[in-house]
């Protein structure tokens, strides 16, 4: 999407998504993907995710924003001026109005053939629908109905890009992505052919415990979406499914679990990870705070599974806070 109006439309739609990214400072300063902050299993929003989604992630934004960790790093996030300008245009307060965000990546073939249509985001918040609609229309968007849901769409003026859309699928829930993915979301809920009916995916979701952020899905979908070099992709172990979960409160703890194609591959991966972990502990030996983080890393798993758990101690957060404030000049 290259023209100015299209970019503005996306920013309005992101209004709806930016939310979770109100906590995006965590990803910026911790080097972690936003999907690392997920939450309890099976949120209602999953009913709007198509059954064939390759990856699903969830973040309980309300818990993260209200956490001690968020309050500690609050001054490092977006400025009040930026937040106020955003609220004036959209009527959406990033600190107070957003509750949760679900993101889904469509199947591998869809990503290859139609990158713009390969994602779907669902954000639950307190919206001023008429205000967002008026703002979008002011900048060249179109309004239509699909199966009883209000859709706001926009397409590149040159007509070469996929039509983007956001739709009010519930009073407090918006779906954003390509027009095709938003329509698929509405159909998934209406027909009950959604990810909740995908037994393999839901098995991973239901195994998650005590997390306010998680991500589950097919590993190759993540590798493809990340745009890794082919040589690196080929060198990665043959991992089929993965799950990642994190809990944010006073600190951060989390886990990553993967299933390999066979037991030999899983054992090799555990051995490689153990080697890296031993090296990390040696390098952190002279830094007490980092040593505590290294010591918290635990590798486990049996059969075809590999797991890694971590807990970030307060001393590490002190170091990160100092570095982040240094960047901001605080």
Protein backbone atom coordinates (compact mmCIF):
# COMPACT_ATOMS: atom_id res chain seq x y z
CA UNK A 1 0.00 0.00 0.00
CA UNK A 2 1.96 2.98 -1.24
CA UNK A 3 -0.26 6.05 -1.42
CA UNK A 4 -0.87 8.42 1.47
CA UNK A 5 -4.59 7.72 1.87
CA UNK A 6 -3.99 4.00 2.06
CA UNK A 7 -1.32 4.46 4.71
CA UNK A 8 -3.69 6.66 6.67
CA UNK A 9 -6.43 4.04 6.43
CA UNK A 10 -4.08 1.42 7.78
CA UNK A 11 -3.13 3.73 10.65
CA UNK A 12 -6.81 4.16 11.49
CA UNK A 13 -7.25 0.41 11.41
CA UNK A 14 -4.15 0.03 13.48
CA UNK A 15 -5.89 2.31 15.86
CA UNK A 16 -7.75 -0.74 16.53
CA UNK A 17 -4.68 -2.87 16.80
CA UNK A 18 -2.15 -0.49 18.14
CA UNK A 19 -3.58 -1.26 21.36
CA UNK A 20 -1.64 -4.34 22.06
CA UNK A 21 1.15 -2.41 20.78
CA UNK A 22 0.54 0.07 23.53
CA UNK A 23 2.61 -2.51 25.33
CA UNK A 24 4.88 -2.92 22.36
CA UNK A 25 7.62 -1.16 24.27
CA UNK A 26 8.18 -4.53 25.88
CA UNK A 27 9.04 -6.05 22.52
CA UNK A 28 11.19 -3.07 21.59
CA UNK A 29 13.33 -3.11 24.67
CA UNK A 30 13.34 -6.83 25.44
CA UNK A 31 13.92 -8.06 21.90
CA UNK A 32 10.81 -10.22 22.17
CA UNK A 33 7.87 -10.56 19.78
CA UNK A 34 4.62 -9.10 21.02
CA UNK A 35 3.15 -12.58 20.83
CA UNK A 36 5.27 -13.53 23.82
CA UNK A 37 2.73 -11.90 26.13
CA UNK A 38 -0.33 -14.13 25.83
CA UNK A 39 -3.09 -15.27 28.20
CA UNK A 40 -5.41 -17.89 29.51
CA UNK A 41 -6.66 -20.57 27.16
CA UNK A 42 -9.56 -20.39 24.74
CA UNK A 43 -10.69 -16.74 24.71
CA UNK A 44 -14.04 -16.13 23.01
CA UNK A 45 -12.31 -14.36 20.13
CA UNK A 46 -11.09 -17.73 18.83
CA UNK A 47 -14.58 -18.30 17.48
CA UNK A 48 -13.74 -15.70 14.82
CA UNK A 49 -10.46 -17.37 13.78
CA UNK A 50 -10.79 -19.69 10.73
CA UNK A 51 -10.22 -23.38 11.49
CA UNK A 52 -7.24 -23.65 9.14
CA UNK A 53 -5.18 -20.88 10.79
CA UNK A 54 -1.51 -21.88 10.92
CA UNK A 55 -0.60 -19.77 13.99
CA UNK A 56 -2.74 -18.15 16.67
CA UNK A 57 -1.53 -15.75 19.37
CA UNK A 58 -3.36 -14.02 22.20
CA UNK A 59 -2.46 -11.19 24.56
CA UNK A 60 -4.45 -10.09 27.60
CA UNK A 61 -3.61 -6.42 27.21
CA UNK A 62 -5.56 -5.39 30.29
CA UNK A 63 -3.47 -7.63 32.58
CA UNK A 64 -0.21 -6.52 30.99
CA UNK A 65 -1.04 -2.80 31.17
CA UNK A 66 -2.10 -3.12 34.80
CA UNK A 67 0.90 -5.24 35.79
CA UNK A 68 3.65 -4.02 38.09
CA UNK A 69 6.07 -4.58 35.22
CA UNK A 70 4.15 -2.19 32.94
CA UNK A 71 3.97 0.46 35.63
CA UNK A 72 7.69 0.17 36.17
CA UNK A 73 8.45 0.79 32.50
CA UNK A 74 5.58 3.17 31.82
CA UNK A 75 7.79 6.24 31.35
CA UNK A 76 9.69 4.45 28.59
CA UNK A 77 6.62 3.92 26.40
CA UNK A 78 4.95 6.35 23.98
CA UNK A 79 4.75 9.94 25.19
CA UNK A 80 1.54 11.41 26.56
CA UNK A 81 1.54 13.76 23.56
CA UNK A 82 1.53 10.86 21.11
CA UNK A 83 -1.21 9.06 23.05
CA UNK A 84 -3.32 12.23 23.31
CA UNK A 85 -3.08 12.88 19.56
CA UNK A 86 -4.09 9.31 18.85
CA UNK A 87 -7.05 9.54 21.21
CA UNK A 88 -8.19 12.85 19.74
CA UNK A 89 -8.36 11.32 16.24
CA UNK A 90 -9.78 7.91 17.10
CA UNK A 91 -11.50 8.28 20.46
CA UNK A 92 -9.45 5.29 21.66
CA UNK A 93 -7.31 5.52 24.79
CA UNK A 94 -4.55 2.93 24.49
CA UNK A 95 -4.02 2.74 28.25
CA UNK A 96 -7.65 2.33 29.26
CA UNK A 97 -9.81 1.11 26.39
CA UNK A 98 -8.11 -2.01 25.01
CA UNK A 99 -8.66 -5.38 26.68
CA UNK A 100 -7.18 -8.07 24.44
CA UNK A 101 -5.71 -8.83 21.02
CA UNK A 102 -5.77 -12.07 19.01
CA UNK A 103 -3.58 -12.48 15.93
CA UNK A 104 -3.73 -15.33 13.42
CA UNK A 105 -1.58 -16.32 10.46
CA UNK A 106 -3.27 -18.12 7.62
CA UNK A 107 -1.91 -21.34 6.04
CA UNK A 108 1.46 -21.48 4.32
CA UNK A 109 0.00 -21.56 0.79
CA UNK A 110 -2.02 -18.45 1.51
CA UNK A 111 1.10 -16.61 2.65
CA UNK A 112 2.98 -17.52 -0.51
CA UNK A 113 0.19 -16.56 -2.89
CA UNK A 114 -1.25 -13.60 -1.02
CA UNK A 115 0.96 -12.13 1.74
CA UNK A 116 -1.48 -9.28 2.45
CA UNK A 117 -4.27 -11.77 3.07
CA UNK A 118 -2.24 -14.01 5.34
CA UNK A 119 -3.02 -12.35 8.66
CA UNK A 120 -6.01 -11.52 10.81
CA UNK A 121 -6.12 -9.45 13.99
CA UNK A 122 -9.01 -9.26 16.44
CA UNK A 123 -8.91 -6.51 19.07
CA UNK A 124 -11.39 -6.18 21.91
CA UNK A 125 -11.82 -2.61 23.18
CA UNK A 126 -14.30 0.15 23.91
CA UNK A 127 -14.71 1.72 20.47
CA UNK A 128 -16.54 4.78 19.21
CA UNK A 129 -17.63 3.06 16.02
CA UNK A 130 -19.25 6.05 14.37
CA UNK A 131 -16.17 8.17 14.99
CA UNK A 132 -13.80 5.59 13.49
CA UNK A 133 -16.12 5.11 10.51
CA UNK A 134 -16.33 8.85 9.85
CA UNK A 135 -12.55 9.20 10.07
CA UNK A 136 -12.04 6.33 7.62
CA UNK A 137 -14.59 7.72 5.15
CA UNK A 138 -12.91 11.10 5.33
CA UNK A 139 -9.76 9.47 4.00
CA UNK A 140 -11.20 7.51 1.10
CA UNK A 141 -12.58 4.34 2.69
CA UNK A 142 -15.81 2.60 1.70
CA UNK A 143 -18.51 1.20 3.99
CA UNK A 144 -20.48 -1.96 3.26
CA UNK A 145 -22.26 -4.81 5.03
CA UNK A 146 -21.33 -8.49 4.99
CA UNK A 147 -23.62 -11.04 6.61
CA UNK A 148 -24.97 -8.36 8.91
CA UNK A 149 -21.57 -6.97 9.95
CA UNK A 150 -20.34 -3.45 9.17
CA UNK A 151 -17.15 -3.42 7.07
CA UNK A 152 -14.89 -0.47 6.27
CA UNK A 153 -12.58 -1.11 3.33
CA UNK A 154 -9.87 0.62 1.37
CA UNK A 155 -7.84 -0.28 -1.70
CA UNK A 156 -4.77 1.22 -3.36
CA UNK A 157 -5.69 3.89 -5.89
CA UNK A 158 -3.72 1.99 -8.53
CA UNK A 159 -5.82 -1.10 -7.78
CA UNK A 160 -2.83 -3.43 -7.44
CA UNK A 161 -3.01 -4.21 -3.72
CA UNK A 162 -5.37 -6.42 -1.76
CA UNK A 163 -8.34 -4.54 -0.36
CA UNK A 164 -7.83 -4.00 3.38
CA UNK A 165 -10.70 -3.96 5.84
CA UNK A 166 -11.75 -3.70 9.43
CA UNK A 167 -15.13 -4.85 10.60
CA UNK A 168 -17.11 -4.48 13.80
CA UNK A 169 -17.86 -8.15 14.34
CA UNK A 170 -19.19 -7.38 17.83
CA UNK A 171 -19.84 -4.08 19.57
CA UNK A 172 -16.48 -4.30 21.35
CA UNK A 173 -14.58 -6.51 18.89
CA UNK A 174 -12.98 -5.49 15.61
CA UNK A 175 -11.42 -7.74 12.96
CA UNK A 176 -8.64 -6.27 10.82
CA UNK A 177 -6.77 -7.65 7.80
CA UNK A 178 -7.40 -8.16 4.12
CA UNK A 179 -11.04 -8.07 3.04
CA UNK A 180 -10.90 -11.82 2.39
CA UNK A 181 -9.52 -12.61 5.85
CA UNK A 182 -12.08 -10.39 7.60
CA UNK A 183 -14.91 -12.07 5.67
CA UNK A 184 -13.44 -15.48 6.53
CA UNK A 185 -13.47 -14.43 10.20
CA UNK A 186 -17.16 -13.54 10.05
CA UNK A 187 -17.95 -16.81 8.26
CA UNK A 188 -15.94 -18.82 10.81
CA UNK A 189 -18.11 -17.55 13.65
CA UNK A 190 -21.40 -17.91 11.76
CA UNK A 191 -20.71 -21.50 10.65
CA UNK A 192 -18.85 -22.62 13.80
CA UNK A 193 -16.03 -23.80 11.52
CA UNK A 194 -13.41 -21.98 13.53
CA UNK A 195 -10.13 -22.80 15.23
CA UNK A 196 -12.03 -24.04 18.29
CA UNK A 197 -12.94 -27.07 16.17
CA UNK A 198 -9.26 -27.68 15.28
CA UNK A 199 -8.31 -30.40 17.77
CA UNK A 200 -4.54 -30.20 17.19
CA UNK A 201 -4.47 -26.44 17.72
CA UNK A 202 -6.76 -26.48 20.73
CA UNK A 203 -4.73 -29.23 22.39
CA UNK A 204 -1.80 -26.82 22.42
CA UNK A 205 -3.96 -23.97 23.70
CA UNK A 206 -5.47 -26.04 26.50
CA UNK A 207 -2.03 -27.10 27.72
CA UNK A 208 -1.15 -23.47 28.49
CA UNK A 209 -1.40 -22.54 32.15
CA UNK A 210 -0.94 -19.30 34.11
CA UNK A 211 -0.04 -17.13 31.13
CA UNK A 212 -1.33 -13.74 30.03
CA UNK A 213 0.16 -14.17 26.58
CA UNK A 214 0.63 -17.16 24.31
CA UNK A 215 1.18 -18.30 20.74
CA UNK A 216 0.67 -21.73 19.20
CA UNK A 217 0.86 -23.19 15.73
CA UNK A 218 2.88 -24.74 12.95
CA UNK A 219 6.55 -23.87 13.09
CA UNK A 220 7.04 -23.67 9.32
CA UNK A 221 4.46 -20.88 9.19
CA UNK A 222 6.57 -18.80 11.56
CA UNK A 223 9.76 -19.56 9.64
CA UNK A 224 8.15 -18.58 6.33
CA UNK A 225 6.59 -15.42 7.74
CA UNK A 226 9.91 -14.33 9.23
CA UNK A 227 11.45 -14.39 5.76
CA UNK A 228 14.48 -16.39 6.89
CA UNK A 229 17.15 -17.21 4.27
CA UNK A 230 16.54 -20.56 2.63
CA UNK A 231 19.88 -21.92 3.86
CA UNK A 232 18.93 -21.13 7.46
CA UNK A 233 15.42 -22.55 7.05
CA UNK A 234 16.86 -25.80 5.71
CA UNK A 235 19.27 -25.99 8.63
CA UNK A 236 16.53 -25.69 11.25
CA UNK A 237 15.47 -28.93 12.92
CA UNK A 238 12.29 -30.49 11.57
CA UNK A 239 9.89 -28.95 14.09
CA UNK A 240 6.19 -29.45 13.42
CA UNK A 241 4.18 -27.76 16.20
CA UNK A 242 5.18 -25.18 18.81
CA UNK A 243 3.69 -23.28 21.72
CA UNK A 244 5.03 -20.27 23.60
CA UNK A 245 3.57 -18.76 26.74
CA UNK A 246 4.50 -15.92 29.04
CA UNK A 247 3.29 -14.29 32.22
CA UNK A 248 3.86 -10.59 32.90
CA UNK A 249 3.34 -9.19 36.38
CA UNK A 250 6.17 -7.91 38.59
CA UNK A 251 8.58 -9.62 36.20
CA UNK A 252 8.42 -11.93 33.21
CA UNK A 253 8.39 -15.71 33.06
CA UNK A 254 7.64 -17.97 30.17
CA UNK A 255 8.15 -21.20 28.29
CA UNK A 256 8.60 -22.52 24.77
CA UNK A 257 7.64 -26.03 23.73
CA UNK A 258 8.14 -27.69 20.36
CA UNK A 259 7.35 -31.04 18.79
CA UNK A 260 9.88 -32.47 16.35
CA UNK A 261 9.16 -34.91 13.53
CA UNK A 262 10.81 -37.75 15.45
CA UNK A 263 12.59 -38.58 18.71
CA UNK A 264 16.08 -38.44 17.20
CA UNK A 265 15.52 -34.87 15.96
CA UNK A 266 14.15 -33.81 19.36
CA UNK A 267 17.12 -35.33 21.21
CA UNK A 268 19.56 -33.58 18.89
CA UNK A 269 17.80 -30.27 19.44
CA UNK A 270 17.86 -30.71 23.23
CA UNK A 271 21.59 -31.44 23.06
CA UNK A 272 22.26 -28.34 20.94
CA UNK A 273 20.20 -26.16 23.28
CA UNK A 274 22.05 -27.58 26.29
CA UNK A 275 25.35 -26.62 24.65
CA UNK A 276 24.22 -23.05 24.05
CA UNK A 277 22.89 -22.82 27.59
CA UNK A 278 26.19 -23.99 29.07
CA UNK A 279 28.02 -21.37 27.01
CA UNK A 280 25.59 -18.65 28.11
CA UNK A 281 26.13 -19.54 31.78
CA UNK A 282 29.89 -19.33 31.34
CA UNK A 283 29.69 -15.92 29.66
CA UNK A 284 27.30 -14.60 32.34
CA UNK A 285 29.47 -15.78 35.23
CA UNK A 286 31.01 -12.32 35.71
CA UNK A 287 27.62 -10.54 35.67
CA UNK A 288 25.47 -11.55 38.67
CA UNK A 289 22.20 -10.25 37.24
CA UNK A 290 22.65 -12.01 33.91
CA UNK A 291 23.87 -15.13 35.69
CA UNK A 292 20.55 -15.33 37.53
CA UNK A 293 18.72 -15.16 34.21
CA UNK A 294 20.94 -17.87 32.74
CA UNK A 295 20.41 -20.06 35.80
CA UNK A 296 16.63 -19.70 35.42
CA UNK A 297 16.72 -21.29 31.97
CA UNK A 298 15.61 -24.91 32.15
CA UNK A 299 15.63 -27.35 29.23
CA UNK A 300 13.30 -30.34 29.37
CA UNK A 301 11.24 -32.65 27.19
CA UNK A 302 11.05 -36.29 26.25
CA UNK A 303 10.21 -38.28 23.17
CA UNK A 304 9.51 -35.86 20.33
CA UNK A 305 9.16 -32.77 22.54
CA UNK A 306 11.61 -30.06 23.51
CA UNK A 307 10.86 -27.40 26.13
CA UNK A 308 12.60 -24.32 27.50
CA UNK A 309 11.40 -22.33 30.51
CA UNK A 310 12.75 -19.06 31.94
CA UNK A 311 12.12 -16.51 34.65
CA UNK A 312 13.52 -13.00 34.53
CA UNK A 313 14.71 -11.90 37.99
CA UNK A 314 14.39 -8.35 39.27
CA UNK A 315 18.13 -7.70 38.92
CA UNK A 316 17.90 -8.28 35.17
CA UNK A 317 14.95 -5.89 34.97
CA UNK A 318 17.04 -3.28 36.76
CA UNK A 319 19.70 -3.58 34.05
CA UNK A 320 17.14 -3.41 31.24
CA UNK A 321 15.39 -0.45 32.81
CA UNK A 322 18.68 1.42 33.02
CA UNK A 323 19.53 0.70 29.39
CA UNK A 324 16.06 1.66 28.18
CA UNK A 325 16.04 4.93 30.12
CA UNK A 326 19.49 5.67 28.74
CA UNK A 327 18.12 5.38 25.21
CA UNK A 328 15.24 7.69 26.09
CA UNK A 329 17.54 10.17 27.87
CA UNK A 330 15.52 9.88 31.07
